[in-house]
Amino acid sequence: MFDRFTMEDRVVMVFAMQEAQELGHRGLGNDHLILGMLGNARSPLFALLGEQGLTLETAREAVV
């Protein structure tokens, strides 16, 4: 499955899995994927979400 992912997609997935684990969540959900996007400052998604006022800290608070 991951063989079709770009390197950027893989980085987002790694960050998302780390966030889920750190929050003590068993599964990986959309909320963790958004956290993963916000965890990679080089990603265009990071900039796009930031333009909408979303930060990693505020997103974590919402997930918790």
N, C-alpha and C. Protein backbone atom coordinates (compact mmCIF):
# COMPACT_ATOMS: atom_id res chain seq x y z
N MET A 1 0.81 -1.18 0.00
CA MET A 1 0.00 0.00 0.00
C MET A 1 0.86 1.26 0.00
N PHE A 2 1.85 1.32 0.86
CA PHE A 2 2.67 2.51 0.97
C PHE A 2 3.60 2.71 -0.21
N ASP A 3 3.74 1.70 -1.05
CA ASP A 3 4.63 1.83 -2.20
C ASP A 3 4.11 2.84 -3.21
N ARG A 4 2.83 3.17 -3.15
CA ARG A 4 2.26 4.16 -4.06
C ARG A 4 2.37 5.58 -3.51
N PHE A 5 2.75 5.71 -2.25
CA PHE A 5 2.85 7.02 -1.61
C PHE A 5 4.11 7.74 -2.05
N THR A 6 4.01 9.06 -2.15
CA THR A 6 5.20 9.87 -2.39
C THR A 6 5.97 9.96 -1.08
N MET A 7 7.18 10.47 -1.16
CA MET A 7 7.98 10.64 0.06
C MET A 7 7.26 11.58 1.03
N GLU A 8 6.66 12.62 0.50
CA GLU A 8 5.92 13.57 1.35
C GLU A 8 4.75 12.89 2.04
N ASP A 9 4.03 12.03 1.31
CA ASP A 9 2.92 11.29 1.91
C ASP A 9 3.41 10.39 3.04
N ARG A 10 4.53 9.77 2.83
CA ARG A 10 5.09 8.89 3.86
C ARG A 10 5.47 9.67 5.11
N VAL A 11 6.02 10.85 4.92
CA VAL A 11 6.39 11.70 6.07
C VAL A 11 5.15 12.06 6.86
N VAL A 12 4.08 12.44 6.17
CA VAL A 12 2.82 12.76 6.84
C VAL A 12 2.31 11.56 7.63
N MET A 13 2.38 10.38 7.04
CA MET A 13 1.92 9.17 7.73
C MET A 13 2.74 8.88 8.97
N VAL A 14 4.05 9.05 8.88
CA VAL A 14 4.91 8.81 10.04
C VAL A 14 4.56 9.78 11.16
N PHE A 15 4.40 11.06 10.82
CA PHE A 15 4.03 12.05 11.84
C PHE A 15 2.65 11.73 12.42
N ALA A 16 1.72 11.32 11.58
CA ALA A 16 0.37 10.99 12.04
C ALA A 16 0.39 9.81 13.00
N MET A 17 1.16 8.79 12.67
CA MET A 17 1.26 7.62 13.55
C MET A 17 1.91 7.98 14.88
N GLN A 18 2.91 8.86 14.84
CA GLN A 18 3.55 9.31 16.08
C GLN A 18 2.57 10.08 16.95
N GLU A 19 1.80 10.95 16.32
CA GLU A 19 0.81 11.73 17.07
C GLU A 19 -0.22 10.81 17.73
N ALA A 20 -0.72 9.84 16.99
CA ALA A 20 -1.71 8.91 17.54
C ALA A 20 -1.12 8.15 18.72
N GLN A 21 0.11 7.71 18.57
CA GLN A 21 0.75 6.96 19.64
C GLN A 21 0.97 7.84 20.87
N GLU A 22 1.45 9.06 20.66
CA GLU A 22 1.69 9.96 21.79
C GLU A 22 0.41 10.34 22.52
N LEU A 23 -0.71 10.36 21.79
CA LEU A 23 -2.00 10.67 22.41
C LEU A 23 -2.65 9.45 23.03
N GLY A 24 -2.02 8.28 22.85
CA GLY A 24 -2.56 7.06 23.42
C GLY A 24 -3.75 6.49 22.65
N HIS A 25 -3.87 6.88 21.39
CA HIS A 25 -4.97 6.39 20.56
C HIS A 25 -4.55 5.13 19.82
N ARG A 26 -5.43 4.17 19.77
CA ARG A 26 -5.11 2.89 19.13
C ARG A 26 -5.17 2.95 17.61
N GLY A 27 -6.10 3.72 17.10
CA GLY A 27 -6.28 3.79 15.66
C GLY A 27 -5.75 5.09 15.08
N LEU A 28 -5.71 5.11 13.77
CA LEU A 28 -5.25 6.29 13.05
C LEU A 28 -6.46 6.88 12.34
N GLY A 29 -6.78 8.13 12.69
CA GLY A 29 -7.95 8.77 12.10
C GLY A 29 -7.60 10.02 11.33
N ASN A 30 -8.63 10.64 10.79
CA ASN A 30 -8.43 11.88 10.04
C ASN A 30 -7.77 12.96 10.89
N ASP A 31 -8.13 12.98 12.17
CA ASP A 31 -7.53 13.97 13.05
C ASP A 31 -6.01 13.79 13.15
N HIS A 32 -5.57 12.56 13.18
CA HIS A 32 -4.12 12.30 13.25
C HIS A 32 -3.44 12.67 11.93
N LEU A 33 -4.14 12.46 10.82
CA LEU A 33 -3.58 12.84 9.52
C LEU A 33 -3.40 14.35 9.43
N ILE A 34 -4.35 15.10 9.96
CA ILE A 34 -4.20 16.56 9.97
C ILE A 34 -3.02 16.95 10.84
N LEU A 35 -2.87 16.30 11.98
CA LEU A 35 -1.71 16.57 12.83
C LEU A 35 -0.42 16.23 12.09
N GLY A 36 -0.45 15.14 11.33
CA GLY A 36 0.71 14.76 10.54
C GLY A 36 1.05 15.81 9.49
N MET A 37 0.04 16.38 8.86
CA MET A 37 0.26 17.44 7.88
C MET A 37 0.87 18.68 8.52
N LEU A 38 0.42 18.96 9.74
CA LEU A 38 0.94 20.13 10.45
C LEU A 38 2.31 19.88 11.06
N GLY A 39 2.73 18.64 11.08
CA GLY A 39 4.04 18.30 11.63
C GLY A 39 5.18 18.43 10.64
N ASN A 40 4.85 18.65 9.38
CA ASN A 40 5.87 18.74 8.33
C ASN A 40 5.87 20.15 7.76
N ALA A 41 6.73 21.01 8.27
CA ALA A 41 6.77 22.41 7.85
C ALA A 41 7.16 22.58 6.38
N ARG A 42 7.72 21.57 5.77
CA ARG A 42 8.11 21.66 4.35
C ARG A 42 6.96 21.36 3.41
N SER A 43 5.88 20.85 3.94
CA SER A 43 4.75 20.44 3.12
C SER A 43 3.90 21.64 2.70
N PRO A 44 3.42 21.66 1.46
CA PRO A 44 2.48 22.71 1.05
C PRO A 44 1.20 22.68 1.89
N LEU A 45 0.85 21.49 2.39
CA LEU A 45 -0.34 21.38 3.24
C LEU A 45 -0.16 22.14 4.54
N PHE A 46 1.06 22.15 5.06
CA PHE A 46 1.37 22.90 6.27
C PHE A 46 1.04 24.37 6.05
N ALA A 47 1.50 24.92 4.95
CA ALA A 47 1.27 26.33 4.64
C ALA A 47 -0.23 26.59 4.43
N LEU A 48 -0.90 25.71 3.72
CA LEU A 48 -2.32 25.87 3.44
C LEU A 48 -3.14 25.87 4.73
N LEU A 49 -2.87 24.93 5.60
CA LEU A 49 -3.59 24.87 6.87
C LEU A 49 -3.24 26.05 7.75
N GLY A 50 -1.99 26.47 7.71
CA GLY A 50 -1.57 27.64 8.49
C GLY A 50 -2.26 28.90 8.03
N GLU A 51 -2.46 29.03 6.72
CA GLU A 51 -3.18 30.19 6.18
C GLU A 51 -4.61 30.26 6.70
N GLN A 52 -5.15 29.11 7.05
CA GLN A 52 -6.51 29.04 7.60
C GLN A 52 -6.52 29.22 9.12
N GLY A 53 -5.34 29.47 9.68
CA GLY A 53 -5.24 29.72 11.12
C GLY A 53 -5.03 28.49 11.97
N LEU A 54 -4.80 27.34 11.35
CA LEU A 54 -4.62 26.11 12.11
C LEU A 54 -3.13 25.88 12.40
N THR A 55 -2.84 25.62 13.65
CA THR A 55 -1.46 25.31 14.05
C THR A 55 -1.44 23.92 14.67
N LEU A 56 -0.25 23.36 14.79
CA LEU A 56 -0.12 22.04 15.40
C LEU A 56 -0.65 22.06 16.83
N GLU A 57 -0.34 23.11 17.56
CA GLU A 57 -0.76 23.19 18.96
C GLU A 57 -2.29 23.25 19.09
N THR A 58 -2.92 24.11 18.28
CA THR A 58 -4.39 24.21 18.38
C THR A 58 -5.07 22.94 17.89
N ALA A 59 -4.50 22.30 16.88
CA ALA A 59 -5.07 21.06 16.38
C ALA A 59 -4.95 19.96 17.42
N ARG A 60 -3.81 19.90 18.12
CA ARG A 60 -3.65 18.89 19.18
C ARG A 60 -4.69 19.10 20.27
N GLU A 61 -4.89 20.37 20.65
CA GLU A 61 -5.89 20.66 21.68
C GLU A 61 -7.27 20.19 21.26
N ALA A 62 -7.60 20.39 19.99
CA ALA A 62 -8.90 19.96 19.49
C ALA A 62 -9.05 18.45 19.50
N VAL A 63 -7.97 17.74 19.20
CA VAL A 63 -8.01 16.28 19.17
C VAL A 63 -8.16 15.73 20.59
N VAL A 64 -7.45 16.33 21.52
CA VAL A 64 -7.53 15.88 22.91
C VAL A 64 -8.91 16.16 23.45
